[in-house]
Amino acid sequence: MKKHQFRHDALIEVLHKAQELFGYLEDDLLLFVAYKLKLPPSRVYGVATFYHFFTLKPKGEHTCVVCMGTACYVKGADKVLASIQEKLGVQAGETTADNAVSLLTARCIGACGIAPAAVYDGTVTPRQTPKSALEQIEKWGAK
């Protein structure tokens, strides 16, 4: 925050750095950022929950993000997500009990031409099917 001179317009950069340092943005950290930047906590929380790259919970060893944008949804992203949820026994936004996999959704990842797309540990993967998604999850050793 000091690097950005405690400017209000540096909120996203500050949240990025905080998540990089702590792994996720817990409530106390968001309140601290709000206090130091002299912003309402609702604004800080709103930014942290609006962007899919911020997380309020610790992430698992692996991360799976299923794009639920219009193009992906129309081409079957809902079925891909459902198959992963069934396999892992968690809902979107949750992490498996063994902290192996975090399952997330995104409003859009900007890969509409390769829909439905998913991001596995930071790698965008095109034209996902329930079968191909489960194959990726199984590569991680998820049960």
N, C-alpha and C. Protein backbone atom coordinates (compact mmCIF):
# COMPACT_ATOMS: atom_id res chain seq x y z
N MET A 1 0.82 -1.19 0.00
CA MET A 1 0.00 0.00 0.00
C MET A 1 0.87 1.25 0.00
N LYS A 2 1.97 1.15 0.72
CA LYS A 2 2.88 2.28 0.77
C LYS A 2 3.45 2.57 -0.62
N LYS A 3 3.75 1.51 -1.36
CA LYS A 3 4.28 1.65 -2.73
C LYS A 3 3.34 2.46 -3.60
N HIS A 4 2.03 2.29 -3.38
CA HIS A 4 1.02 3.00 -4.18
C HIS A 4 0.51 4.24 -3.46
N GLN A 5 1.22 4.66 -2.42
CA GLN A 5 0.93 5.88 -1.67
C GLN A 5 -0.50 5.89 -1.12
N PHE A 6 -1.01 4.70 -0.77
CA PHE A 6 -2.32 4.55 -0.15
C PHE A 6 -3.45 5.15 -1.00
N ARG A 7 -3.27 5.12 -2.32
CA ARG A 7 -4.27 5.68 -3.24
C ARG A 7 -5.47 4.73 -3.36
N HIS A 8 -6.66 5.33 -3.43
CA HIS A 8 -7.89 4.55 -3.61
C HIS A 8 -7.86 3.74 -4.90
N ASP A 9 -7.32 4.34 -5.95
CA ASP A 9 -7.35 3.68 -7.27
C ASP A 9 -6.33 2.54 -7.39
N ALA A 10 -5.60 2.26 -6.34
CA ALA A 10 -4.63 1.15 -6.34
C ALA A 10 -5.21 -0.10 -5.68
N LEU A 11 -6.51 -0.10 -5.42
CA LEU A 11 -7.13 -1.19 -4.69
C LEU A 11 -6.86 -2.55 -5.32
N ILE A 12 -7.04 -2.69 -6.63
CA ILE A 12 -6.84 -3.99 -7.28
C ILE A 12 -5.39 -4.44 -7.16
N GLU A 13 -4.45 -3.53 -7.36
CA GLU A 13 -3.04 -3.88 -7.23
C GLU A 13 -2.72 -4.32 -5.80
N VAL A 14 -3.27 -3.63 -4.83
CA VAL A 14 -3.04 -3.97 -3.42
C VAL A 14 -3.62 -5.35 -3.12
N LEU A 15 -4.83 -5.63 -3.60
CA LEU A 15 -5.44 -6.94 -3.36
C LEU A 15 -4.64 -8.05 -4.04
N HIS A 16 -4.13 -7.79 -5.24
CA HIS A 16 -3.28 -8.78 -5.92
C HIS A 16 -2.06 -9.12 -5.07
N LYS A 17 -1.39 -8.09 -4.59
CA LYS A 17 -0.18 -8.31 -3.79
C LYS A 17 -0.51 -9.03 -2.49
N ALA A 18 -1.61 -8.65 -1.86
CA ALA A 18 -2.01 -9.29 -0.60
C ALA A 18 -2.30 -10.78 -0.84
N GLN A 19 -2.99 -11.09 -1.93
CA GLN A 19 -3.28 -12.49 -2.21
C GLN A 19 -2.00 -13.25 -2.55
N GLU A 20 -1.09 -12.61 -3.25
CA GLU A 20 0.20 -13.23 -3.55
C GLU A 20 0.96 -13.56 -2.27
N LEU A 21 0.91 -12.66 -1.30
CA LEU A 21 1.64 -12.85 -0.05
C LEU A 21 0.98 -13.86 0.88
N PHE A 22 -0.36 -13.81 0.98
CA PHE A 22 -1.07 -14.63 1.96
C PHE A 22 -1.79 -15.83 1.37
N GLY A 23 -1.89 -15.90 0.04
CA GLY A 23 -2.54 -17.04 -0.60
C GLY A 23 -4.01 -16.85 -0.85
N TYR A 24 -4.66 -16.05 -0.03
CA TYR A 24 -6.08 -15.75 -0.20
C TYR A 24 -6.39 -14.50 0.61
N LEU A 25 -7.60 -13.96 0.41
CA LEU A 25 -7.98 -12.72 1.07
C LEU A 25 -9.00 -13.01 2.17
N GLU A 26 -8.54 -13.14 3.39
CA GLU A 26 -9.47 -13.40 4.48
C GLU A 26 -10.12 -12.09 4.92
N ASP A 27 -11.19 -12.19 5.69
CA ASP A 27 -11.98 -11.02 6.08
C ASP A 27 -11.14 -9.96 6.81
N ASP A 28 -10.31 -10.39 7.75
CA ASP A 28 -9.49 -9.42 8.50
C ASP A 28 -8.55 -8.66 7.58
N LEU A 29 -8.03 -9.33 6.58
CA LEU A 29 -7.13 -8.68 5.63
C LEU A 29 -7.88 -7.64 4.80
N LEU A 30 -9.10 -7.98 4.37
CA LEU A 30 -9.92 -7.03 3.60
C LEU A 30 -10.26 -5.80 4.44
N LEU A 31 -10.56 -6.00 5.71
CA LEU A 31 -10.85 -4.88 6.60
C LEU A 31 -9.62 -3.99 6.79
N PHE A 32 -8.45 -4.63 6.91
CA PHE A 32 -7.21 -3.88 7.06
C PHE A 32 -6.93 -3.02 5.82
N VAL A 33 -7.11 -3.61 4.65
CA VAL A 33 -6.91 -2.86 3.40
C VAL A 33 -7.89 -1.69 3.32
N ALA A 34 -9.15 -1.94 3.66
CA ALA A 34 -10.15 -0.88 3.64
C ALA A 34 -9.76 0.27 4.57
N TYR A 35 -9.32 -0.08 5.76
CA TYR A 35 -8.92 0.94 6.74
C TYR A 35 -7.74 1.75 6.23
N LYS A 36 -6.71 1.07 5.74
CA LYS A 36 -5.49 1.76 5.30
C LYS A 36 -5.71 2.61 4.05
N LEU A 37 -6.59 2.16 3.15
CA LEU A 37 -6.85 2.94 1.93
C LEU A 37 -8.00 3.93 2.12
N LYS A 38 -8.56 3.92 3.34
CA LYS A 38 -9.69 4.82 3.66
C LYS A 38 -10.85 4.61 2.70
N LEU A 39 -11.19 3.33 2.51
CA LEU A 39 -12.30 2.95 1.66
C LEU A 39 -13.36 2.22 2.50
N PRO A 40 -14.62 2.27 2.09
CA PRO A 40 -15.61 1.49 2.82
C PRO A 40 -15.32 -0.01 2.64
N PRO A 41 -15.46 -0.80 3.70
CA PRO A 41 -15.24 -2.25 3.58
C PRO A 41 -16.10 -2.88 2.48
N SER A 42 -17.29 -2.34 2.26
CA SER A 42 -18.18 -2.90 1.22
C SER A 42 -17.56 -2.77 -0.17
N ARG A 43 -16.82 -1.69 -0.41
CA ARG A 43 -16.18 -1.52 -1.73
C ARG A 43 -15.04 -2.53 -1.91
N VAL A 44 -14.24 -2.69 -0.86
CA VAL A 44 -13.12 -3.64 -0.93
C VAL A 44 -13.66 -5.06 -1.12
N TYR A 45 -14.67 -5.43 -0.35
CA TYR A 45 -15.27 -6.75 -0.46
C TYR A 45 -15.91 -6.94 -1.84
N GLY A 46 -16.55 -5.89 -2.33
CA GLY A 46 -17.18 -5.96 -3.66
C GLY A 46 -16.18 -6.23 -4.76
N VAL A 47 -15.04 -5.57 -4.71
CA VAL A 47 -13.98 -5.79 -5.71
C VAL A 47 -13.42 -7.20 -5.56
N ALA A 48 -13.19 -7.63 -4.33
CA ALA A 48 -12.59 -8.95 -4.09
C ALA A 48 -13.52 -10.08 -4.54
N THR A 49 -14.82 -9.87 -4.48
CA THR A 49 -15.76 -10.93 -4.88
C THR A 49 -16.17 -10.82 -6.34
N PHE A 50 -15.98 -9.67 -6.96
CA PHE A 50 -16.38 -9.50 -8.36
C PHE A 50 -15.41 -10.20 -9.31
N TYR A 51 -14.12 -10.07 -9.08
CA TYR A 51 -13.12 -10.64 -9.97
C TYR A 51 -12.79 -12.08 -9.58
N HIS A 52 -12.85 -13.00 -10.57
CA HIS A 52 -12.66 -14.41 -10.26
C HIS A 52 -11.24 -14.77 -9.82
N PHE A 53 -10.26 -13.91 -10.09
CA PHE A 53 -8.89 -14.26 -9.70
C PHE A 53 -8.60 -13.98 -8.23
N PHE A 54 -9.56 -13.37 -7.52
CA PHE A 54 -9.40 -13.22 -6.07
C PHE A 54 -10.16 -14.35 -5.39
N THR A 55 -9.62 -14.83 -4.30
CA THR A 55 -10.28 -15.89 -3.54
C THR A 55 -10.30 -15.52 -2.06
N LEU A 56 -11.42 -15.84 -1.42
CA LEU A 56 -11.59 -15.54 0.00
C LEU A 56 -11.32 -16.75 0.88
N LYS A 57 -10.96 -17.85 0.26
CA LYS A 57 -10.68 -19.09 1.00
C LYS A 57 -9.35 -19.65 0.50
N PRO A 58 -8.65 -20.42 1.35
CA PRO A 58 -7.40 -21.03 0.88
C PRO A 58 -7.68 -21.95 -0.31
N LYS A 59 -6.79 -21.92 -1.28
CA LYS A 59 -6.94 -22.77 -2.47
C LYS A 59 -6.33 -24.14 -2.23
N GLY A 60 -6.81 -25.09 -3.03
CA GLY A 60 -6.25 -26.43 -2.99
C GLY A 60 -4.94 -26.49 -3.75
N GLU A 61 -4.33 -27.66 -3.74
CA GLU A 61 -3.07 -27.86 -4.45
C GLU A 61 -3.24 -27.61 -5.94
N HIS A 62 -4.41 -28.01 -6.48
CA HIS A 62 -4.73 -27.79 -7.89
C HIS A 62 -5.99 -26.95 -7.98
N THR A 63 -6.10 -26.21 -9.09
CA THR A 63 -7.26 -25.35 -9.29
C THR A 63 -7.88 -25.63 -10.65
N CYS A 64 -9.20 -25.80 -10.64
CA CYS A 64 -9.97 -26.00 -11.87
C CYS A 64 -11.00 -24.89 -11.95
N VAL A 65 -10.95 -24.09 -13.02
CA VAL A 65 -11.91 -23.02 -13.24
C VAL A 65 -12.69 -23.35 -14.51
N VAL A 66 -13.99 -23.50 -14.37
CA VAL A 66 -14.85 -23.78 -15.51
C VAL A 66 -15.50 -22.46 -15.94
N CYS A 67 -15.32 -22.09 -17.20
CA CYS A 67 -15.93 -20.87 -17.72
C CYS A 67 -17.43 -21.10 -17.90
N MET A 68 -18.22 -20.17 -17.37
CA MET A 68 -19.68 -20.27 -17.49
C MET A 68 -20.22 -19.11 -18.32
N GLY A 69 -19.36 -18.51 -19.14
CA GLY A 69 -19.81 -17.44 -20.04
C GLY A 69 -20.82 -17.99 -21.04
N THR A 70 -21.49 -17.12 -21.74
CA THR A 70 -22.57 -17.51 -22.65
C THR A 70 -22.14 -18.57 -23.66
N ALA A 71 -21.04 -18.33 -24.36
CA ALA A 71 -20.59 -19.28 -25.39
C ALA A 71 -20.27 -20.64 -24.77
N CYS A 72 -19.59 -20.64 -23.64
CA CYS A 72 -19.23 -21.90 -22.99
C CYS A 72 -20.47 -22.61 -22.45
N TYR A 73 -21.38 -21.85 -21.87
CA TYR A 73 -22.58 -22.44 -21.30
C TYR A 73 -23.43 -23.08 -22.40
N VAL A 74 -23.60 -22.37 -23.50
CA VAL A 74 -24.40 -22.89 -24.62
C VAL A 74 -23.80 -24.18 -25.17
N LYS A 75 -22.47 -24.29 -25.12
CA LYS A 75 -21.80 -25.48 -25.66
C LYS A 75 -21.56 -26.57 -24.62
N GLY A 76 -22.17 -26.44 -23.43
CA GLY A 76 -22.14 -27.54 -22.48
C GLY A 76 -21.31 -27.38 -21.22
N ALA A 77 -20.92 -26.17 -20.88
CA ALA A 77 -20.12 -25.97 -19.67
C ALA A 77 -20.85 -26.44 -18.42
N ASP A 78 -22.18 -26.34 -18.42
CA ASP A 78 -22.94 -26.79 -17.25
C ASP A 78 -22.77 -28.29 -17.02
N LYS A 79 -22.69 -29.05 -18.10
CA LYS A 79 -22.50 -30.50 -17.98
C LYS A 79 -21.07 -30.82 -17.52
N VAL A 80 -20.12 -30.06 -18.02
CA VAL A 80 -18.72 -30.23 -17.58
C VAL A 80 -18.62 -29.96 -16.08
N LEU A 81 -19.19 -28.85 -15.64
CA LEU A 81 -19.16 -28.49 -14.23
C LEU A 81 -19.85 -29.56 -13.38
N ALA A 82 -21.00 -30.01 -13.81
CA ALA A 82 -21.75 -31.02 -13.05
C ALA A 82 -20.95 -32.31 -12.88
N SER A 83 -20.25 -32.72 -13.94
CA SER A 83 -19.47 -33.96 -13.86
C SER A 83 -18.30 -33.81 -12.89
N ILE A 84 -17.67 -32.65 -12.87
CA ILE A 84 -16.56 -32.41 -11.95
C ILE A 84 -17.08 -32.35 -10.51
N GLN A 85 -18.20 -31.67 -10.32
CA GLN A 85 -18.77 -31.58 -8.98
C GLN A 85 -19.10 -32.97 -8.44
N GLU A 86 -19.68 -33.80 -9.29
CA GLU A 86 -20.03 -35.15 -8.86
C GLU A 86 -18.78 -35.96 -8.52
N LYS A 87 -17.76 -35.85 -9.36
CA LYS A 87 -16.52 -36.59 -9.16
C LYS A 87 -15.82 -36.18 -7.85
N LEU A 88 -15.74 -34.86 -7.62
CA LEU A 88 -15.01 -34.36 -6.46
C LEU A 88 -15.85 -34.31 -5.19
N GLY A 89 -17.15 -34.28 -5.33
CA GLY A 89 -18.02 -34.17 -4.17
C GLY A 89 -18.03 -32.79 -3.55
N VAL A 90 -17.77 -31.77 -4.38
CA VAL A 90 -17.82 -30.38 -3.91
C VAL A 90 -18.61 -29.55 -4.92
N GLN A 91 -19.06 -28.40 -4.48
CA GLN A 91 -19.73 -27.45 -5.34
C GLN A 91 -18.73 -26.41 -5.82
N ALA A 92 -19.11 -25.66 -6.86
CA ALA A 92 -18.25 -24.58 -7.34
C ALA A 92 -17.99 -23.60 -6.20
N GLY A 93 -16.74 -23.18 -6.06
CA GLY A 93 -16.35 -22.27 -5.00
C GLY A 93 -15.80 -22.99 -3.78
N GLU A 94 -15.77 -24.32 -3.83
CA GLU A 94 -15.30 -25.10 -2.69
C GLU A 94 -14.00 -25.83 -3.03
N THR A 95 -13.35 -26.31 -1.98
CA THR A 95 -12.13 -27.10 -2.09
C THR A 95 -12.39 -28.46 -1.47
N THR A 96 -11.84 -29.50 -2.07
CA THR A 96 -12.03 -30.84 -1.53
C THR A 96 -11.48 -30.91 -0.10
N ALA A 97 -12.01 -31.84 0.67
CA ALA A 97 -11.64 -31.98 2.09
C ALA A 97 -10.14 -32.21 2.27
N ASP A 98 -9.51 -32.87 1.30
CA ASP A 98 -8.06 -33.13 1.41
C ASP A 98 -7.20 -31.99 0.85
N ASN A 99 -7.84 -30.87 0.49
CA ASN A 99 -7.16 -29.69 -0.07
C ASN A 99 -6.45 -29.99 -1.38
N ALA A 100 -6.90 -31.01 -2.10
CA ALA A 100 -6.25 -31.38 -3.36
C ALA A 100 -6.71 -30.49 -4.52
N VAL A 101 -8.02 -30.19 -4.61
CA VAL A 101 -8.56 -29.46 -5.76
C VAL A 101 -9.55 -28.40 -5.31
N SER A 102 -9.36 -27.20 -5.85
CA SER A 102 -10.35 -26.13 -5.69
C SER A 102 -11.11 -26.03 -7.00
N LEU A 103 -12.43 -26.04 -6.93
CA LEU A 103 -13.29 -25.94 -8.11
C LEU A 103 -13.93 -24.57 -8.13
N LEU A 104 -13.70 -23.84 -9.20
CA LEU A 104 -14.21 -22.48 -9.33
C LEU A 104 -14.94 -22.32 -10.66
N THR A 105 -15.75 -21.28 -10.75
CA THR A 105 -16.34 -20.91 -12.03
C THR A 105 -15.95 -19.46 -12.32
N ALA A 106 -16.00 -19.10 -13.58
CA ALA A 106 -15.72 -17.73 -13.99
C ALA A 106 -16.85 -17.26 -14.89
N ARG A 107 -17.15 -15.98 -14.81
CA ARG A 107 -18.19 -15.43 -15.67
C ARG A 107 -17.79 -15.53 -17.13
N CYS A 108 -16.53 -15.27 -17.42
CA CYS A 108 -16.00 -15.40 -18.78
C CYS A 108 -14.48 -15.34 -18.69
N ILE A 109 -13.80 -16.22 -19.42
CA ILE A 109 -12.33 -16.17 -19.42
C ILE A 109 -11.80 -15.62 -20.74
N GLY A 110 -12.72 -15.22 -21.62
CA GLY A 110 -12.30 -14.61 -22.89
C GLY A 110 -11.80 -15.61 -23.90
N ALA A 111 -12.29 -16.84 -23.82
CA ALA A 111 -11.87 -17.88 -24.76
C ALA A 111 -13.09 -18.44 -25.49
N CYS A 112 -13.97 -17.56 -25.91
CA CYS A 112 -15.24 -17.97 -26.50
C CYS A 112 -15.08 -18.82 -27.76
N GLY A 113 -14.03 -18.60 -28.50
CA GLY A 113 -13.81 -19.35 -29.74
C GLY A 113 -13.45 -20.81 -29.53
N ILE A 114 -13.09 -21.16 -28.30
CA ILE A 114 -12.71 -22.56 -28.00
C ILE A 114 -13.64 -23.16 -26.95
N ALA A 115 -14.85 -22.64 -26.89
CA ALA A 115 -15.83 -23.06 -25.88
C ALA A 115 -16.25 -24.51 -26.05
N PRO A 116 -16.59 -25.17 -24.95
CA PRO A 116 -16.45 -24.72 -23.56
C PRO A 116 -15.02 -24.88 -23.08
N ALA A 117 -14.55 -23.89 -22.36
CA ALA A 117 -13.16 -23.88 -21.91
C ALA A 117 -13.08 -24.01 -20.40
N ALA A 118 -11.97 -24.55 -19.94
CA ALA A 118 -11.67 -24.64 -18.51
C ALA A 118 -10.20 -24.29 -18.33
N VAL A 119 -9.88 -23.87 -17.13
CA VAL A 119 -8.49 -23.52 -16.80
C VAL A 119 -8.04 -24.47 -15.70
N TYR A 120 -7.03 -25.29 -16.02
CA TYR A 120 -6.48 -26.24 -15.06
C TYR A 120 -5.11 -25.74 -14.63
N ASP A 121 -4.97 -25.39 -13.37
CA ASP A 121 -3.70 -24.86 -12.85
C ASP A 121 -3.11 -23.78 -13.74
N GLY A 122 -3.96 -22.87 -14.19
CA GLY A 122 -3.50 -21.73 -14.99
C GLY A 122 -3.40 -21.96 -16.48
N THR A 123 -3.66 -23.18 -16.95
CA THR A 123 -3.58 -23.49 -18.37
C THR A 123 -4.99 -23.58 -18.96
N VAL A 124 -5.27 -22.72 -19.93
CA VAL A 124 -6.57 -22.74 -20.60
C VAL A 124 -6.65 -23.96 -21.50
N THR A 125 -7.73 -24.71 -21.36
CA THR A 125 -7.91 -25.95 -22.12
C THR A 125 -9.20 -25.85 -22.93
N PRO A 126 -9.12 -26.07 -24.25
CA PRO A 126 -10.28 -25.87 -25.11
C PRO A 126 -11.23 -27.06 -25.19
N ARG A 127 -12.43 -26.76 -25.66
CA ARG A 127 -13.45 -27.74 -26.05
C ARG A 127 -13.61 -28.89 -25.04
N GLN A 128 -13.89 -28.53 -23.83
CA GLN A 128 -14.03 -29.52 -22.77
C GLN A 128 -15.34 -30.29 -22.86
N THR A 129 -15.27 -31.54 -22.51
CA THR A 129 -16.44 -32.40 -22.38
C THR A 129 -16.40 -32.94 -20.96
N PRO A 130 -17.49 -33.49 -20.46
CA PRO A 130 -17.42 -34.09 -19.14
C PRO A 130 -16.30 -35.13 -19.05
N LYS A 131 -16.14 -35.92 -20.11
CA LYS A 131 -15.10 -36.96 -20.11
C LYS A 131 -13.69 -36.36 -20.06
N SER A 132 -13.41 -35.36 -20.90
CA SER A 132 -12.07 -34.77 -20.92
C SER A 132 -11.76 -34.05 -19.62
N ALA A 133 -12.77 -33.43 -19.02
CA ALA A 133 -12.56 -32.74 -17.74
C ALA A 133 -12.22 -33.75 -16.65
N LEU A 134 -12.94 -34.85 -16.62
CA LEU A 134 -12.66 -35.88 -15.61
C LEU A 134 -11.29 -36.51 -15.80
N GLU A 135 -10.87 -36.65 -17.05
CA GLU A 135 -9.53 -37.19 -17.32
C GLU A 135 -8.47 -36.27 -16.71
N GLN A 136 -8.66 -34.95 -16.85
CA GLN A 136 -7.71 -33.99 -16.29
C GLN A 136 -7.70 -34.07 -14.77
N ILE A 137 -8.87 -34.14 -14.17
CA ILE A 137 -8.98 -34.23 -12.71
C ILE A 137 -8.31 -35.51 -12.21
N GLU A 138 -8.48 -36.59 -12.94
CA GLU A 138 -7.87 -37.86 -12.54
C GLU A 138 -6.35 -37.83 -12.66
N LYS A 139 -5.81 -37.04 -13.57
CA LYS A 139 -4.35 -36.89 -13.69
C LYS A 139 -3.77 -36.33 -12.38
N TRP A 140 -4.57 -35.55 -11.68
CA TRP A 140 -4.11 -34.97 -10.41
C TRP A 140 -4.22 -35.96 -9.27
N GLY A 141 -4.78 -37.13 -9.55
CA GLY A 141 -4.93 -38.13 -8.51
C GLY A 141 -6.16 -37.93 -7.65
N ALA A 142 -7.09 -37.07 -8.10
CA ALA A 142 -8.31 -36.85 -7.33
C ALA A 142 -9.19 -38.08 -7.38
N LYS A 143 -9.83 -38.38 -6.27
CA LYS A 143 -10.64 -39.58 -6.19
C LYS A 143 -12.09 -39.29 -6.36
